[in-house]
């Protein structure tokens, strides 16, 4: 899914910043969704966000809580290298290449 499709379909706030040597993409997943893992596979950023139900569930018995939600965002054409990190519910992707 492209960034435009992601923000339209999922309602997330996203910004892209252009600098001389890189481009930075920032996506706000909200303060409630800070429990997330992020990785880059080929030309796709994959984010898995644990739901609040999953984090607070009593795991001592019964059925396990629902899995987290996975998002996949395609990187723009021309990206040679991308670095990702998540802090306070905000995903940051630093991209280098011929954008």
N, C-alpha and C. Protein backbone atom coordinates (compact mmCIF):
# COMPACT_ATOMS: atom_id res chain seq x y z
N UNK A 1 0.85 -1.15 0.00
CA UNK A 1 0.00 0.00 0.00
C UNK A 1 0.90 1.23 0.00
N UNK A 2 0.55 2.22 -0.79
CA UNK A 2 1.34 3.45 -0.83
C UNK A 2 1.02 4.29 0.41
N UNK A 3 1.85 5.29 0.66
CA UNK A 3 1.61 6.16 1.81
C UNK A 3 0.27 6.86 1.68
N UNK A 4 -0.08 7.32 0.49
CA UNK A 4 -1.36 8.00 0.28
C UNK A 4 -2.54 7.07 0.57
N UNK A 5 -2.46 5.83 0.10
CA UNK A 5 -3.52 4.86 0.38
C UNK A 5 -3.61 4.57 1.87
N UNK A 6 -2.46 4.43 2.52
CA UNK A 6 -2.41 4.13 3.95
C UNK A 6 -3.08 5.22 4.77
N UNK A 7 -2.73 6.48 4.52
CA UNK A 7 -3.29 7.57 5.31
C UNK A 7 -4.78 7.76 5.04
N UNK A 8 -5.21 7.52 3.81
CA UNK A 8 -6.63 7.64 3.47
C UNK A 8 -7.43 6.50 4.09
N UNK A 9 -6.96 5.26 3.92
CA UNK A 9 -7.69 4.08 4.41
C UNK A 9 -7.66 3.95 5.93
N UNK A 10 -6.52 4.22 6.54
CA UNK A 10 -6.35 3.99 7.97
C UNK A 10 -6.56 5.24 8.82
N UNK A 11 -6.58 6.42 8.20
CA UNK A 11 -6.80 7.66 8.94
C UNK A 11 -5.62 8.12 9.77
N UNK A 12 -4.42 7.67 9.43
CA UNK A 12 -3.22 8.07 10.17
C UNK A 12 -2.69 9.40 9.64
N UNK A 13 -2.09 10.19 10.51
CA UNK A 13 -1.44 11.43 10.12
C UNK A 13 -0.03 11.11 9.64
N UNK A 14 0.34 11.59 8.47
CA UNK A 14 1.68 11.31 7.93
C UNK A 14 2.22 12.56 7.24
N UNK A 15 3.54 12.72 7.33
CA UNK A 15 4.23 13.84 6.68
C UNK A 15 5.50 13.31 6.05
N UNK A 16 5.90 13.94 4.95
CA UNK A 16 7.17 13.60 4.32
C UNK A 16 7.97 14.89 4.20
N UNK A 17 9.24 14.82 4.64
CA UNK A 17 10.14 15.96 4.63
C UNK A 17 11.29 15.67 3.67
N UNK A 18 11.63 16.65 2.84
CA UNK A 18 12.72 16.51 1.88
C UNK A 18 13.92 17.32 2.35
N UNK A 19 15.07 16.68 2.41
CA UNK A 19 16.33 17.33 2.76
C UNK A 19 17.31 17.11 1.61
N UNK A 20 18.48 17.75 1.68
CA UNK A 20 19.46 17.63 0.60
C UNK A 20 19.89 16.19 0.36
N UNK A 21 20.18 15.46 1.43
CA UNK A 21 20.75 14.12 1.28
C UNK A 21 19.79 12.98 1.59
N UNK A 22 18.60 13.30 2.10
CA UNK A 22 17.66 12.23 2.42
C UNK A 22 16.24 12.78 2.46
N UNK A 23 15.31 11.86 2.57
CA UNK A 23 13.90 12.19 2.73
C UNK A 23 13.42 11.47 3.99
N UNK A 24 12.59 12.12 4.78
CA UNK A 24 12.11 11.54 6.03
C UNK A 24 10.59 11.45 6.00
N UNK A 25 10.09 10.28 6.34
CA UNK A 25 8.67 10.02 6.41
C UNK A 25 8.31 9.83 7.88
N UNK A 26 7.29 10.54 8.36
CA UNK A 26 6.84 10.40 9.75
C UNK A 26 5.35 10.06 9.75
N UNK A 27 4.99 8.98 10.47
CA UNK A 27 3.59 8.54 10.56
C UNK A 27 3.23 8.44 12.03
N UNK A 28 2.17 9.14 12.43
CA UNK A 28 1.72 9.13 13.82
C UNK A 28 0.67 8.03 14.00
N UNK A 29 1.02 7.00 14.79
CA UNK A 29 0.09 5.92 15.07
C UNK A 29 -0.75 6.20 16.31
N UNK A 30 -0.54 7.32 16.97
CA UNK A 30 -1.32 7.70 18.14
C UNK A 30 -0.66 7.26 19.43
N UNK A 31 -0.99 7.95 20.52
CA UNK A 31 -0.35 7.68 21.80
C UNK A 31 -0.73 6.33 22.39
N UNK A 32 -1.88 5.79 22.02
CA UNK A 32 -2.29 4.50 22.56
C UNK A 32 -1.58 3.33 21.89
N UNK A 33 -0.93 3.59 20.78
CA UNK A 33 -0.33 2.51 20.01
C UNK A 33 1.19 2.61 20.00
N UNK A 34 1.77 2.67 21.19
CA UNK A 34 3.22 2.80 21.29
C UNK A 34 3.93 1.46 21.31
N UNK A 35 3.19 0.38 21.51
CA UNK A 35 3.79 -0.95 21.54
C UNK A 35 3.84 -1.49 20.12
N UNK A 36 4.91 -1.20 19.41
CA UNK A 36 4.98 -1.57 18.00
C UNK A 36 6.37 -2.05 17.64
N UNK A 37 6.42 -2.87 16.60
CA UNK A 37 7.69 -3.32 16.02
C UNK A 37 7.70 -2.89 14.57
N UNK A 38 8.88 -2.48 14.08
CA UNK A 38 8.98 -2.00 12.71
C UNK A 38 10.20 -2.62 12.05
N UNK A 39 10.08 -2.90 10.75
CA UNK A 39 11.20 -3.48 9.99
C UNK A 39 11.02 -3.09 8.53
N UNK A 40 12.12 -3.14 7.78
CA UNK A 40 12.08 -2.91 6.34
C UNK A 40 12.45 -4.21 5.66
N UNK A 41 11.59 -4.68 4.76
CA UNK A 41 11.85 -5.88 3.98
C UNK A 41 11.72 -5.48 2.51
N UNK A 42 12.82 -5.60 1.78
CA UNK A 42 12.88 -5.16 0.39
C UNK A 42 12.46 -3.69 0.31
N UNK A 43 11.38 -3.39 -0.38
CA UNK A 43 10.92 -2.00 -0.54
C UNK A 43 9.66 -1.72 0.27
N UNK A 44 9.47 -2.46 1.37
CA UNK A 44 8.26 -2.33 2.17
C UNK A 44 8.60 -2.14 3.65
N UNK A 45 7.97 -1.14 4.27
CA UNK A 45 8.07 -0.95 5.72
C UNK A 45 6.92 -1.73 6.34
N UNK A 46 7.24 -2.60 7.29
CA UNK A 46 6.23 -3.41 7.97
C UNK A 46 6.17 -2.98 9.43
N UNK A 47 4.97 -2.63 9.87
CA UNK A 47 4.75 -2.20 11.25
C UNK A 47 3.71 -3.12 11.87
N UNK A 48 4.03 -3.69 13.03
CA UNK A 48 3.07 -4.51 13.78
C UNK A 48 2.81 -3.80 15.10
N UNK A 49 1.54 -3.45 15.32
CA UNK A 49 1.13 -2.71 16.51
C UNK A 49 0.29 -3.62 17.38
N UNK A 50 0.71 -3.81 18.64
CA UNK A 50 -0.09 -4.59 19.59
C UNK A 50 -1.29 -3.76 20.00
N UNK A 51 -2.43 -4.42 20.08
CA UNK A 51 -3.64 -3.74 20.52
C UNK A 51 -3.61 -3.57 22.04
N UNK A 52 -4.39 -2.63 22.55
CA UNK A 52 -4.47 -2.41 23.99
C UNK A 52 -5.00 -3.66 24.68
N UNK A 53 -5.94 -4.38 24.04
CA UNK A 53 -6.49 -5.61 24.61
C UNK A 53 -5.40 -6.65 24.78
N UNK A 54 -4.51 -6.74 23.82
CA UNK A 54 -3.44 -7.73 23.87
C UNK A 54 -2.44 -7.40 24.98
N UNK A 55 -2.11 -6.12 25.14
CA UNK A 55 -1.13 -5.72 26.15
C UNK A 55 -1.65 -5.93 27.57
N UNK A 56 -2.96 -5.68 27.78
CA UNK A 56 -3.50 -5.73 29.13
C UNK A 56 -4.20 -7.04 29.47
N UNK A 57 -4.17 -7.99 28.56
CA UNK A 57 -4.91 -9.24 28.77
C UNK A 57 -4.29 -10.08 29.88
N UNK A 58 -5.17 -10.75 30.63
CA UNK A 58 -4.73 -11.72 31.64
C UNK A 58 -4.42 -13.01 30.91
N UNK A 59 -3.18 -13.42 30.92
CA UNK A 59 -2.76 -14.60 30.15
C UNK A 59 -2.69 -15.86 31.01
N UNK A 60 -3.31 -15.82 32.19
CA UNK A 60 -3.22 -16.96 33.10
C UNK A 60 -4.14 -18.11 32.70
N UNK A 61 -5.09 -17.86 31.85
CA UNK A 61 -5.99 -18.94 31.42
C UNK A 61 -6.93 -18.44 30.36
N UNK A 62 -7.65 -19.36 29.74
CA UNK A 62 -8.59 -18.98 28.70
C UNK A 62 -7.90 -18.77 27.37
N UNK A 63 -8.64 -18.19 26.44
CA UNK A 63 -8.10 -18.00 25.10
C UNK A 63 -7.15 -16.80 25.06
N UNK A 64 -6.16 -16.86 24.18
CA UNK A 64 -5.21 -15.75 24.08
C UNK A 64 -5.89 -14.52 23.47
N UNK A 65 -5.36 -13.33 23.73
CA UNK A 65 -5.93 -12.12 23.15
C UNK A 65 -5.69 -12.08 21.64
N UNK A 66 -6.44 -11.22 20.95
CA UNK A 66 -6.26 -11.06 19.51
C UNK A 66 -4.84 -10.60 19.19
N UNK A 67 -4.37 -11.00 18.01
CA UNK A 67 -3.06 -10.55 17.56
C UNK A 67 -3.10 -9.06 17.27
N UNK A 68 -1.89 -8.50 17.13
CA UNK A 68 -1.78 -7.09 16.78
C UNK A 68 -2.18 -6.86 15.33
N UNK A 69 -2.13 -5.61 14.94
CA UNK A 69 -2.48 -5.21 13.59
C UNK A 69 -1.20 -4.97 12.81
N UNK A 70 -1.14 -5.47 11.57
CA UNK A 70 0.04 -5.30 10.73
C UNK A 70 -0.26 -4.32 9.61
N UNK A 71 0.65 -3.37 9.41
CA UNK A 71 0.55 -2.41 8.32
C UNK A 71 1.76 -2.59 7.41
N UNK A 72 1.55 -2.45 6.12
CA UNK A 72 2.65 -2.52 5.16
C UNK A 72 2.59 -1.26 4.30
N UNK A 73 3.71 -0.53 4.25
CA UNK A 73 3.79 0.71 3.48
C UNK A 73 4.92 0.57 2.48
N UNK A 74 4.61 0.75 1.20
CA UNK A 74 5.62 0.66 0.15
C UNK A 74 6.49 1.91 0.16
N UNK A 75 7.80 1.71 0.04
CA UNK A 75 8.72 2.83 -0.08
C UNK A 75 8.64 3.40 -1.49
N UNK A 76 8.90 4.70 -1.65
CA UNK A 76 8.87 5.29 -2.99
C UNK A 76 9.96 4.69 -3.89
N UNK A 77 9.75 4.76 -5.20
CA UNK A 77 10.77 4.32 -6.15
C UNK A 77 12.04 5.13 -5.96
N UNK A 78 13.18 4.49 -6.13
CA UNK A 78 14.46 5.17 -6.05
C UNK A 78 15.13 5.12 -4.69
N UNK A 79 14.48 4.52 -3.69
CA UNK A 79 15.09 4.42 -2.36
C UNK A 79 16.17 3.36 -2.38
N UNK A 80 17.41 3.76 -2.05
CA UNK A 80 18.53 2.82 -1.98
C UNK A 80 18.71 2.24 -0.59
N UNK A 81 18.41 3.05 0.43
CA UNK A 81 18.63 2.63 1.82
C UNK A 81 17.56 3.30 2.68
N UNK A 82 17.03 2.56 3.65
CA UNK A 82 16.01 3.11 4.55
C UNK A 82 16.29 2.64 5.97
N UNK A 83 16.15 3.57 6.92
CA UNK A 83 16.32 3.28 8.34
C UNK A 83 15.02 3.65 9.05
N UNK A 84 14.57 2.78 9.95
CA UNK A 84 13.30 3.01 10.63
C UNK A 84 13.47 2.99 12.14
N UNK A 85 12.63 3.75 12.81
CA UNK A 85 12.52 3.65 14.26
C UNK A 85 11.17 4.17 14.70
N UNK A 86 10.75 3.77 15.89
CA UNK A 86 9.44 4.13 16.44
C UNK A 86 9.67 4.71 17.83
N UNK A 87 9.07 5.88 18.10
CA UNK A 87 9.16 6.49 19.42
C UNK A 87 7.85 7.23 19.71
N UNK A 88 7.28 6.96 20.87
CA UNK A 88 6.04 7.60 21.30
C UNK A 88 4.92 7.48 20.27
N UNK A 89 4.84 6.34 19.62
CA UNK A 89 3.78 6.10 18.66
C UNK A 89 4.00 6.71 17.29
N UNK A 90 5.18 7.31 17.06
CA UNK A 90 5.48 7.92 15.76
C UNK A 90 6.55 7.09 15.05
N UNK A 91 6.20 6.61 13.86
CA UNK A 91 7.14 5.89 13.01
C UNK A 91 7.92 6.90 12.19
N UNK A 92 9.25 6.76 12.17
CA UNK A 92 10.11 7.61 11.34
C UNK A 92 10.90 6.72 10.40
N UNK A 93 10.86 7.05 9.11
CA UNK A 93 11.61 6.32 8.10
C UNK A 93 12.53 7.32 7.40
N UNK A 94 13.84 7.10 7.54
CA UNK A 94 14.82 7.95 6.86
C UNK A 94 15.24 7.22 5.59
N UNK A 95 15.04 7.88 4.43
CA UNK A 95 15.29 7.24 3.14
C UNK A 95 16.39 7.98 2.38
N UNK A 96 17.30 7.21 1.80
CA UNK A 96 18.36 7.77 0.98
C UNK A 96 18.26 7.17 -0.42
N UNK A 97 18.67 7.94 -1.40
CA UNK A 97 18.65 7.45 -2.77
C UNK A 97 18.23 8.53 -3.73
N UNK A 98 17.92 8.13 -4.95
CA UNK A 98 17.50 9.05 -5.99
C UNK A 98 15.98 9.15 -5.97
N UNK A 99 15.48 9.98 -5.06
CA UNK A 99 14.03 10.09 -4.87
C UNK A 99 13.50 11.13 -5.80
